[in-house]
Amino acid sequence: MWDALEEDPASAANLRLRSELMMALRQLVEGWEITQAAAAQRLATTQPRLNDLLRGRIGKFSLDALIVFAVRAGLSPQLKLA
């Protein structure tokens, strides 16, 4: 999907990676079954920022920021080259 939206392959790859991280984080955070405020505290961010993540507002997050959230959430992000 991202390849169709971005002419530049590097930009498409970046969007694809950010999307995958956001979906994994959303699934994990929703599985915690705690309030957004408590989840935000666990991720060392604000509740509005967490809300942006959970709503998939991809433009508000860099790949670096999402990796930090993933590590704080207990995930071990890895890059697989194909």
C-alpha atoms as a PDB file:
ATOM      1  CA  MET A   1       0.000   0.000   0.000  1.00  0.00           C
ATOM      2  CA  TRP A   2       2.731   2.485   0.949  1.00  0.00           C
ATOM      3  CA  ASP A   3       4.473   1.909  -2.366  1.00  0.00           C
ATOM      4  CA  ALA A   4       1.416   3.310  -4.130  1.00  0.00           C
ATOM      5  CA  LEU A   5       1.361   6.404  -1.922  1.00  0.00           C
ATOM      6  CA  GLU A   6       5.055   7.232  -2.094  1.00  0.00           C
ATOM      7  CA  GLU A   7       7.096   7.617  -5.264  1.00  0.00           C
ATOM      8  CA  ASP A   8      10.367   7.283  -3.383  1.00  0.00           C
ATOM      9  CA  PRO A   9      11.083   3.669  -2.315  1.00  0.00           C
ATOM     10  CA  ALA A  10      12.908   4.867   0.800  1.00  0.00           C
ATOM     11  CA  SER A  11       9.906   6.916   1.935  1.00  0.00           C
ATOM     12  CA  ALA A  12       7.593   3.977   1.273  1.00  0.00           C
ATOM     13  CA  ALA A  13       9.845   1.690   3.328  1.00  0.00           C
ATOM     14  CA  ASN A  14       9.901   4.192   6.175  1.00  0.00           C
ATOM     15  CA  LEU A  15       6.101   4.429   6.181  1.00  0.00           C
ATOM     16  CA  ARG A  16       5.786   0.650   6.065  1.00  0.00           C
ATOM     17  CA  LEU A  17       8.094   0.212   9.074  1.00  0.00           C
ATOM     18  CA  ARG A  18       6.342   2.937  11.046  1.00  0.00           C
ATOM     19  CA  SER A  19       2.980   1.368  10.262  1.00  0.00           C
ATOM     20  CA  GLU A  20       4.124  -2.073  11.418  1.00  0.00           C
ATOM     21  CA  LEU A  21       5.490  -0.662  14.660  1.00  0.00           C
ATOM     22  CA  MET A  22       2.346   1.350  15.312  1.00  0.00           C
ATOM     23  CA  MET A  23       0.117  -1.685  14.784  1.00  0.00           C
ATOM     24  CA  ALA A  24       2.257  -3.830  17.094  1.00  0.00           C
ATOM     25  CA  LEU A  25       2.250  -1.135  19.780  1.00  0.00           C
ATOM     26  CA  ARG A  26      -1.488  -0.613  19.497  1.00  0.00           C
ATOM     27  CA  GLN A  27      -2.161  -4.332  19.887  1.00  0.00           C
ATOM     28  CA  LEU A  28       0.171  -4.563  22.871  1.00  0.00           C
ATOM     29  CA  VAL A  29      -1.181  -1.481  24.656  1.00  0.00           C
ATOM     30  CA  GLU A  30      -4.798  -2.553  24.134  1.00  0.00           C
ATOM     31  CA  GLY A  31      -3.872  -5.936  25.614  1.00  0.00           C
ATOM     32  CA  TRP A  32      -2.678  -4.282  28.808  1.00  0.00           C
ATOM     33  CA  GLU A  33      -6.308  -3.441  29.617  1.00  0.00           C
ATOM     34  CA  ILE A  34      -5.351  -0.296  31.503  1.00  0.00           C
ATOM     35  CA  THR A  35      -6.317   3.333  31.001  1.00  0.00           C
ATOM     36  CA  GLN A  36      -4.606   5.432  28.383  1.00  0.00           C
ATOM     37  CA  ALA A  37      -3.162   7.559  31.165  1.00  0.00           C
ATOM     38  CA  ALA A  38      -1.584   4.507  32.814  1.00  0.00           C
ATOM     39  CA  ALA A  39      -0.315   3.210  29.460  1.00  0.00           C
ATOM     40  CA  ALA A  40       1.164   6.620  28.646  1.00  0.00           C
ATOM     41  CA  GLN A  41       2.941   6.629  31.983  1.00  0.00           C
ATOM     42  CA  ARG A  42       4.312   3.140  31.273  1.00  0.00           C
ATOM     43  CA  LEU A  43       5.644   4.405  27.928  1.00  0.00           C
ATOM     44  CA  ALA A  44       6.972   7.648  29.467  1.00  0.00           C
ATOM     45  CA  THR A  45       4.848   9.845  27.221  1.00  0.00           C
ATOM     46  CA  THR A  46       1.710  11.945  27.482  1.00  0.00           C
ATOM     47  CA  GLN A  47      -1.830  10.630  27.128  1.00  0.00           C
ATOM     48  CA  PRO A  48      -2.517  12.830  24.068  1.00  0.00           C
ATOM     49  CA  ARG A  49       0.627  11.475  22.385  1.00  0.00           C
ATOM     50  CA  LEU A  50      -0.415   7.911  23.183  1.00  0.00           C
ATOM     51  CA  ASN A  51      -3.862   8.667  21.771  1.00  0.00           C
ATOM     52  CA  ASP A  52      -2.232   9.785  18.511  1.00  0.00           C
ATOM     53  CA  LEU A  53      -0.382   6.478  18.386  1.00  0.00           C
ATOM     54  CA  LEU A  54      -3.480   4.394  19.093  1.00  0.00           C
ATOM     55  CA  ARG A  55      -5.457   6.277  16.435  1.00  0.00           C
ATOM     56  CA  GLY A  56      -2.779   5.587  13.834  1.00  0.00           C
ATOM     57  CA  ARG A  57      -1.694   9.170  13.219  1.00  0.00           C
ATOM     58  CA  ILE A  58       1.457   8.008  11.482  1.00  0.00           C
ATOM     59  CA  GLY A  59       2.590  11.479  10.413  1.00  0.00           C
ATOM     60  CA  LYS A  60       3.138  12.460  14.044  1.00  0.00           C
ATOM     61  CA  PHE A  61       5.764   9.775  14.694  1.00  0.00           C
ATOM     62  CA  SER A  62       9.270   9.208  13.464  1.00  0.00           C
ATOM     63  CA  LEU A  63      10.677   5.718  13.153  1.00  0.00           C
ATOM     64  CA  ASP A  64      13.073   6.560  15.994  1.00  0.00           C
ATOM     65  CA  ALA A  65      10.246   7.589  18.331  1.00  0.00           C
ATOM     66  CA  LEU A  66       8.309   4.405  17.600  1.00  0.00           C
ATOM     67  CA  ILE A  67      11.372   2.263  18.312  1.00  0.00           C
ATOM     68  CA  VAL A  68      11.751   3.999  21.681  1.00  0.00           C
ATOM     69  CA  PHE A  69       8.090   3.296  22.509  1.00  0.00           C
ATOM     70  CA  ALA A  70       8.472  -0.328  21.431  1.00  0.00           C
ATOM     71  CA  VAL A  71      11.469  -0.860  23.712  1.00  0.00           C
ATOM     72  CA  ARG A  72       9.706   0.862  26.618  1.00  0.00           C
ATOM     73  CA  ALA A  73       6.734  -1.446  25.999  1.00  0.00           C
ATOM     74  CA  GLY A  74       8.981  -4.485  26.300  1.00  0.00           C
ATOM     75  CA  LEU A  75       9.204  -5.297  22.614  1.00  0.00           C
ATOM     76  CA  SER A  76      12.465  -6.069  20.841  1.00  0.00           C
ATOM     77  CA  PRO A  77      12.219  -4.386  17.440  1.00  0.00           C
ATOM     78  CA  GLN A  78      14.381  -5.941  14.742  1.00  0.00           C
ATOM     79  CA  LEU A  79      14.955  -5.013  11.140  1.00  0.00           C
ATOM     80  CA  LYS A  80      14.763  -7.801   8.586  1.00  0.00           C
ATOM     81  CA  LEU A  81      16.214  -7.043   5.187  1.00  0.00           C
ATOM     82  CA  ALA A  82      14.848  -8.842   2.177  1.00  0.00           C
END
